[in-house]
PDB file of N, CA and C in Angstrom:
ATOM      1  N   MET A   1      20.822 -49.377-248.837  1.00  0.00           N
ATOM      2  CA  MET A   1      19.718 -49.536-249.759  1.00  0.00           C
ATOM      3  C   MET A   1      20.282 -49.655-251.165  1.00  0.00           C
ATOM      4  N   LYS A   2      19.628 -50.466-251.971  1.00  0.00           N
ATOM      5  CA  LYS A   2      20.009 -50.653-253.364  1.00  0.00           C
ATOM      6  C   LYS A   2      18.842 -50.290-254.263  1.00  0.00           C
ATOM      7  N   TYR A   3      19.150 -49.725-255.413  1.00  0.00           N
ATOM      8  CA  TYR A   3      18.149 -49.422-256.428  1.00  0.00           C
ATOM      9  C   TYR A   3      18.452 -50.228-257.678  1.00  0.00           C
ATOM     10  N   PHE A   4      17.392 -50.571-258.407  1.00  0.00           N
ATOM     11  CA  PHE A   4      17.500 -51.336-259.633  1.00  0.00           C
ATOM     12  C   PHE A   4      16.617 -50.693-260.690  1.00  0.00           C
ATOM     13  N   VAL A   5      17.035 -50.756-261.939  1.00  0.00           N
ATOM     14  CA  VAL A   5      16.220 -50.273-263.046  1.00  0.00           C
ATOM     15  C   VAL A   5      15.729 -51.503-263.804  1.00  0.00           C
ATOM     16  N   ASN A   6      14.413 -51.648-263.910  1.00  0.00           N
ATOM     17  CA  ASN A   6      13.858 -52.831-264.571  1.00  0.00           C
ATOM     18  C   ASN A   6      13.712 -52.606-266.080  1.00  0.00           C
ATOM     19  N   ASP A   7      13.173 -53.593-266.760  1.00  0.00           N
ATOM     20  CA  ASP A   7      13.056 -53.570-268.224  1.00  0.00           C
ATOM     21  C   ASP A   7      12.045 -52.559-268.756  1.00  0.00           C
ATOM     22  N   SER A   8      11.321 -51.899-267.875  1.00  0.00           N
ATOM     23  CA  SER A   8      10.336 -50.904-268.316  1.00  0.00           C
ATOM     24  C   SER A   8      10.973 -49.579-268.712  1.00  0.00           C
ATOM     25  N   CYS A   9      12.260 -49.409-268.443  1.00  0.00           N
ATOM     26  CA  CYS A   9      12.942 -48.139-268.708  1.00  0.00           C
ATOM     27  C   CYS A   9      12.769 -47.722-270.168  1.00  0.00           C
ATOM     28  N   ILE A  10      12.379 -46.445-270.351  1.00  0.00           N
ATOM     29  CA  ILE A  10      12.207 -45.896-271.695  1.00  0.00           C
ATOM     30  C   ILE A  10      13.349 -44.948-272.074  1.00  0.00           C
ATOM     31  N   GLY A  11      14.320 -44.791-271.174  1.00  0.00           N
ATOM     32  CA  GLY A  11      15.486 -43.986-271.480  1.00  0.00           C
ATOM     33  C   GLY A  11      15.269 -42.492-271.445  1.00  0.00           C
ATOM     34  N   CYS A  12      14.340 -42.024-270.643  1.00  0.00           N
ATOM     35  CA  CYS A  12      14.059 -40.580-270.597  1.00  0.00           C
ATOM     36  C   CYS A  12      15.183 -39.783-269.925  1.00  0.00           C
ATOM     37  N   GLY A  13      15.947 -40.417-269.046  1.00  0.00           N
ATOM     38  CA  GLY A  13      17.077 -39.749-268.406  1.00  0.00           C
ATOM     39  C   GLY A  13      16.751 -38.962-267.161  1.00  0.00           C
ATOM     40  N   LEU A  14      15.502 -38.942-266.730  1.00  0.00           N
ATOM     41  CA  LEU A  14      15.141 -38.159-265.547  1.00  0.00           C
ATOM     42  C   LEU A  14      15.869 -38.635-264.295  1.00  0.00           C
ATOM     43  N   CYS A  15      16.034 -39.936-264.151  1.00  0.00           N
ATOM     44  CA  CYS A  15      16.703 -40.453-262.953  1.00  0.00           C
ATOM     45  C   CYS A  15      18.169 -40.023-262.921  1.00  0.00           C
ATOM     46  N   ALA A  16      18.829 -40.069-264.068  1.00  0.00           N
ATOM     47  CA  ALA A  16      20.234 -39.669-264.134  1.00  0.00           C
ATOM     48  C   ALA A  16      20.404 -38.177-263.859  1.00  0.00           C
ATOM     49  N   MET A  17      19.415 -37.394-264.241  1.00  0.00           N
ATOM     50  CA  MET A  17      19.471 -35.960-263.939  1.00  0.00           C
ATOM     51  C   MET A  17      19.193 -35.705-262.464  1.00  0.00           C
ATOM     52  N   ALA A  18      18.258 -36.454-261.878  1.00  0.00           N
ATOM     53  CA  ALA A  18      17.881 -36.250-260.478  1.00  0.00           C
ATOM     54  C   ALA A  18      18.946 -36.756-259.511  1.00  0.00           C
ATOM     55  N   CYS A  19      19.608 -37.849-259.879  1.00  0.00           N
ATOM     56  CA  CYS A  19      20.580 -38.452-258.968  1.00  0.00           C
ATOM     57  C   CYS A  19      21.716 -39.109-259.763  1.00  0.00           C
ATOM     58  N   PRO A  20      22.616 -38.299-260.326  1.00  0.00           N
ATOM     59  CA  PRO A  20      23.705 -38.859-261.133  1.00  0.00           C
ATOM     60  C   PRO A  20      24.698 -39.692-260.325  1.00  0.00           C
ATOM     61  N   GLU A  21      24.651 -39.559-259.006  1.00  0.00           N
ATOM     62  CA  GLU A  21      25.535 -40.364-258.159  1.00  0.00           C
ATOM     63  C   GLU A  21      25.140 -41.839-258.168  1.00  0.00           C
ATOM     64  N   VAL A  22      23.890 -42.124-258.527  1.00  0.00           N
ATOM     65  CA  VAL A  22      23.382 -43.496-258.495  1.00  0.00           C
ATOM     66  C   VAL A  22      22.997 -44.006-259.881  1.00  0.00           C
ATOM     67  N   PHE A  23      22.378 -43.157-260.696  1.00  0.00           N
ATOM     68  CA  PHE A  23      21.849 -43.590-261.991  1.00  0.00           C
ATOM     69  C   PHE A  23      22.652 -42.996-263.132  1.00  0.00           C
ATOM     70  N   GLU A  24      22.830 -43.805-264.167  1.00  0.00           N
ATOM     71  CA  GLU A  24      23.506 -43.315-265.372  1.00  0.00           C
ATOM     72  C   GLU A  24      22.851 -43.938-266.592  1.00  0.00           C
ATOM     73  N   MET A  25      23.055 -43.280-267.713  1.00  0.00           N
ATOM     74  CA  MET A  25      22.515 -43.763-268.973  1.00  0.00           C
ATOM     75  C   MET A  25      23.574 -44.589-269.687  1.00  0.00           C
ATOM     76  N   THR A  26      23.161 -45.700-270.259  1.00  0.00           N
ATOM     77  CA  THR A  26      24.085 -46.557-270.998  1.00  0.00           C
ATOM     78  C   THR A  26      24.166 -46.105-272.451  1.00  0.00           C
ATOM     79  N   ASP A  27      25.102 -46.679-273.185  1.00  0.00           N
ATOM     80  CA  ASP A  27      25.210 -46.389-274.617  1.00  0.00           C
ATOM     81  C   ASP A  27      23.973 -46.845-275.372  1.00  0.00           C
ATOM     82  N   ALA A  28      23.263 -47.819-274.810  1.00  0.00           N
ATOM     83  CA  ALA A  28      22.030 -48.312-275.428  1.00  0.00           C
ATOM     84  C   ALA A  28      20.847 -47.388-275.171  1.00  0.00           C
ATOM     85  N   GLY A  29      21.049 -46.337-274.357  1.00  0.00           N
ATOM     86  CA  GLY A  29      19.990 -45.368-274.112  1.00  0.00           C
ATOM     87  C   GLY A  29      19.026 -45.722-273.000  1.00  0.00           C
ATOM     88  N   ILE A  30      19.421 -46.638-272.124  1.00  0.00           N
ATOM     89  CA  ILE A  30      18.586 -46.966-270.968  1.00  0.00           C
ATOM     90  C   ILE A  30      19.366 -46.664-269.697  1.00  0.00           C
ATOM     91  N   ALA A  31      18.652 -46.538-268.605  1.00  0.00           N
ATOM     92  CA  ALA A  31      19.287 -46.213-267.330  1.00  0.00           C
ATOM     93  C   ALA A  31      19.719 -47.478-266.598  1.00  0.00           C
ATOM     94  N   ILE A  32      20.761 -47.317-265.795  1.00  0.00           N
ATOM     95  CA  ILE A  32      21.180 -48.365-264.868  1.00  0.00           C
ATOM     96  C   ILE A  32      21.481 -47.710-263.531  1.00  0.00           C
ATOM     97  N   ALA A  33      21.382 -48.491-262.483  1.00  0.00           N
ATOM     98  CA  ALA A  33      21.810 -48.030-261.158  1.00  0.00           C
ATOM     99  C   ALA A  33      23.264 -48.441-261.028  1.00  0.00           C
ATOM    100  N   SER A  34      24.142 -47.467-260.964  1.00  0.00           N
ATOM    101  CA  SER A  34      25.575 -47.743-261.035  1.00  0.00           C
ATOM    102  C   SER A  34      26.221 -48.042-259.687  1.00  0.00           C
ATOM    103  N   LYS A  35      25.502 -47.882-258.598  1.00  0.00           N
ATOM    104  CA  LYS A  35      26.053 -48.130-257.264  1.00  0.00           C
ATOM    105  C   LYS A  35      25.458 -49.393-256.680  1.00  0.00           C
ATOM    106  N   LYS A  36      26.282 -50.175-256.024  1.00  0.00           N
ATOM    107  CA  LYS A  36      25.778 -51.359-255.331  1.00  0.00           C
ATOM    108  C   LYS A  36      24.968 -50.937-254.110  1.00  0.00           C
ATOM    109  N   GLU A  37      25.453 -49.960-253.381  1.00  0.00           N
ATOM    110  CA  GLU A  37      24.755 -49.393-252.220  1.00  0.00           C
ATOM    111  C   GLU A  37      24.667 -47.884-252.416  1.00  0.00           C
ATOM    112  N   VAL A  38      23.507 -47.329-252.169  1.00  0.00           N
ATOM    113  CA  VAL A  38      23.313 -45.890-252.313  1.00  0.00           C
ATOM    114  C   VAL A  38      23.913 -45.184-251.101  1.00  0.00           C
ATOM    115  N   PRO A  39      24.826 -44.242-251.332  1.00  0.00           N
ATOM    116  CA  PRO A  39      25.388 -43.482-250.208  1.00  0.00           C
ATOM    117  C   PRO A  39      24.286 -42.732-249.453  1.00  0.00           C
ATOM    118  N   THR A  40      24.403 -42.667-248.152  1.00  0.00           N
ATOM    119  CA  THR A  40      23.356 -42.050-247.340  1.00  0.00           C
ATOM    120  C   THR A  40      23.115 -40.586-247.693  1.00  0.00           C
ATOM    121  N   ASP A  41      24.133 -39.895-248.169  1.00  0.00           N
ATOM    122  CA  ASP A  41      23.954 -38.475-248.470  1.00  0.00           C
ATOM    123  C   ASP A  41      23.147 -38.221-249.747  1.00  0.00           C
ATOM    124  N   VAL A  42      22.867 -39.263-250.535  1.00  0.00           N
ATOM    125  CA  VAL A  42      22.052 -39.083-251.734  1.00  0.00           C
ATOM    126  C   VAL A  42      20.777 -39.931-251.716  1.00  0.00           C
ATOM    127  N   LEU A  43      20.418 -40.451-250.561  1.00  0.00           N
ATOM    128  CA  LEU A  43      19.203 -41.266-250.453  1.00  0.00           C
ATOM    129  C   LEU A  43      17.961 -40.489-250.885  1.00  0.00           C
ATOM    130  N   ASP A  44      17.855 -39.232-250.487  1.00  0.00           N
ATOM    131  CA  ASP A  44      16.692 -38.427-250.862  1.00  0.00           C
ATOM    132  C   ASP A  44      16.627 -38.218-252.378  1.00  0.00           C
ATOM    133  N   ALA A  45      17.770 -37.944-252.999  1.00  0.00           N
ATOM    134  CA  ALA A  45      17.806 -37.738-254.445  1.00  0.00           C
ATOM    135  C   ALA A  45      17.453 -39.028-255.184  1.00  0.00           C
ATOM    136  N   ALA A  46      17.926 -40.161-254.685  1.00  0.00           N
ATOM    137  CA  ALA A  46      17.598 -41.446-255.310  1.00  0.00           C
ATOM    138  C   ALA A  46      16.103 -41.740-255.191  1.00  0.00           C
ATOM    139  N   ALA A  47      15.525 -41.421-254.047  1.00  0.00           N
ATOM    140  CA  ALA A  47      14.084 -41.615-253.855  1.00  0.00           C
ATOM    141  C   ALA A  47      13.286 -40.699-254.779  1.00  0.00           C
ATOM    142  N   GLN A  48      13.761 -39.472-254.988  1.00  0.00           N
ATOM    143  CA  GLN A  48      13.094 -38.552-255.914  1.00  0.00           C
ATOM    144  C   GLN A  48      13.178 -39.080-257.341  1.00  0.00           C
ATOM    145  N   ALA A  49      14.322 -39.660-257.696  1.00  0.00           N
ATOM    146  CA  ALA A  49      14.466 -40.249-259.027  1.00  0.00           C
ATOM    147  C   ALA A  49      13.468 -41.378-259.212  1.00  0.00           C
ATOM    148  N   GLN A  50      13.313 -42.201-258.186  1.00  0.00           N
ATOM    149  CA  GLN A  50      12.364 -43.313-258.261  1.00  0.00           C
ATOM    150  C   GLN A  50      10.931 -42.802-258.411  1.00  0.00           C
ATOM    151  N   SER A  51      10.552 -41.856-257.588  1.00  0.00           N
ATOM    152  CA  SER A  51       9.172 -41.364-257.637  1.00  0.00           C
ATOM    153  C   SER A  51       8.896 -40.563-258.907  1.00  0.00           C
ATOM    154  N   GLY A  52       9.932 -40.015-259.531  1.00  0.00           N
ATOM    155  CA  GLY A  52       9.752 -39.236-260.742  1.00  0.00           C
ATOM    156  C   GLY A  52       9.789 -40.042-262.026  1.00  0.00           C
ATOM    157  N   CYS A  53      10.101 -41.327-261.927  1.00  0.00           N
ATOM    158  CA  CYS A  53      10.169 -42.162-263.134  1.00  0.00           C
ATOM    159  C   CYS A  53       8.777 -42.294-263.746  1.00  0.00           C
ATOM    160  N   PRO A  54       8.610 -41.892-265.009  1.00  0.00           N
ATOM    161  CA  PRO A  54       7.280 -41.909-265.615  1.00  0.00           C
ATOM    162  C   PRO A  54       6.719 -43.305-265.891  1.00  0.00           C
ATOM    163  N   VAL A  55       7.578 -44.326-265.870  1.00  0.00           N
ATOM    164  CA  VAL A  55       7.099 -45.693-266.147  1.00  0.00           C
ATOM    165  C   VAL A  55       7.361 -46.639-264.980  1.00  0.00           C
ATOM    166  N   ASN A  56       7.696 -46.083-263.818  1.00  0.00           N
ATOM    167  CA  ASN A  56       7.943 -46.886-262.609  1.00  0.00           C
ATOM    168  C   ASN A  56       8.970 -47.994-262.844  1.00  0.00           C
ATOM    169  N   ALA A  57      10.055 -47.638-263.527  1.00  0.00           N
ATOM    170  CA  ALA A  57      11.093 -48.609-263.850  1.00  0.00           C
ATOM    171  C   ALA A  57      12.136 -48.764-262.743  1.00  0.00           C
ATOM    172  N   ILE A  58      12.068 -47.932-261.717  1.00  0.00           N
ATOM    173  CA  ILE A  58      13.059 -47.974-260.653  1.00  0.00           C
ATOM    174  C   ILE A  58      12.482 -48.663-259.437  1.00  0.00           C
ATOM    175  N   GLU A  59      13.201 -49.675-258.974  1.00  0.00           N
ATOM    176  CA  GLU A  59      12.790 -50.430-257.803  1.00  0.00           C
ATOM    177  C   GLU A  59      13.908 -50.347-256.766  1.00  0.00           C
ATOM    178  N   ASN A  60      13.549 -50.617-255.516  1.00  0.00           N
ATOM    179  CA  ASN A  60      14.585 -50.692-254.485  1.00  0.00           C
ATOM    180  C   ASN A  60      14.352 -51.905-253.607  1.00  0.00           C
ATOM    181  N   ASP A  61      15.323 -52.184-252.783  1.00  0.00           N
ATOM    182  CA  ASP A  61      15.232 -53.376-251.915  1.00  0.00           C
ATOM    183  C   ASP A  61      14.679 -53.043-250.544  1.00  0.00           C
ATOM    184  N   ASP A  62      13.990 -51.918-250.444  1.00  0.00           N
ATOM    185  CA  ASP A  62      13.407 -51.475-249.175  1.00  0.00           C
ATOM    186  C   ASP A  62      12.295 -52.381-248.712  1.00  0.00           C
TER     187      ASP A  62
END
């Protein structure tokens, strides 16, 4: 599974806190999904990051 951060990101950092294995904050203050494929052991954390995004900026290829 892959996750993507769209242009709606407001840079709150919740995704990076929920799942730092997949999401990170850039110098510009927005989030990116840093993994091409989400490791199976963090799938739940990545899904929590997606559902917790206040502006629905996280998408996946599910």
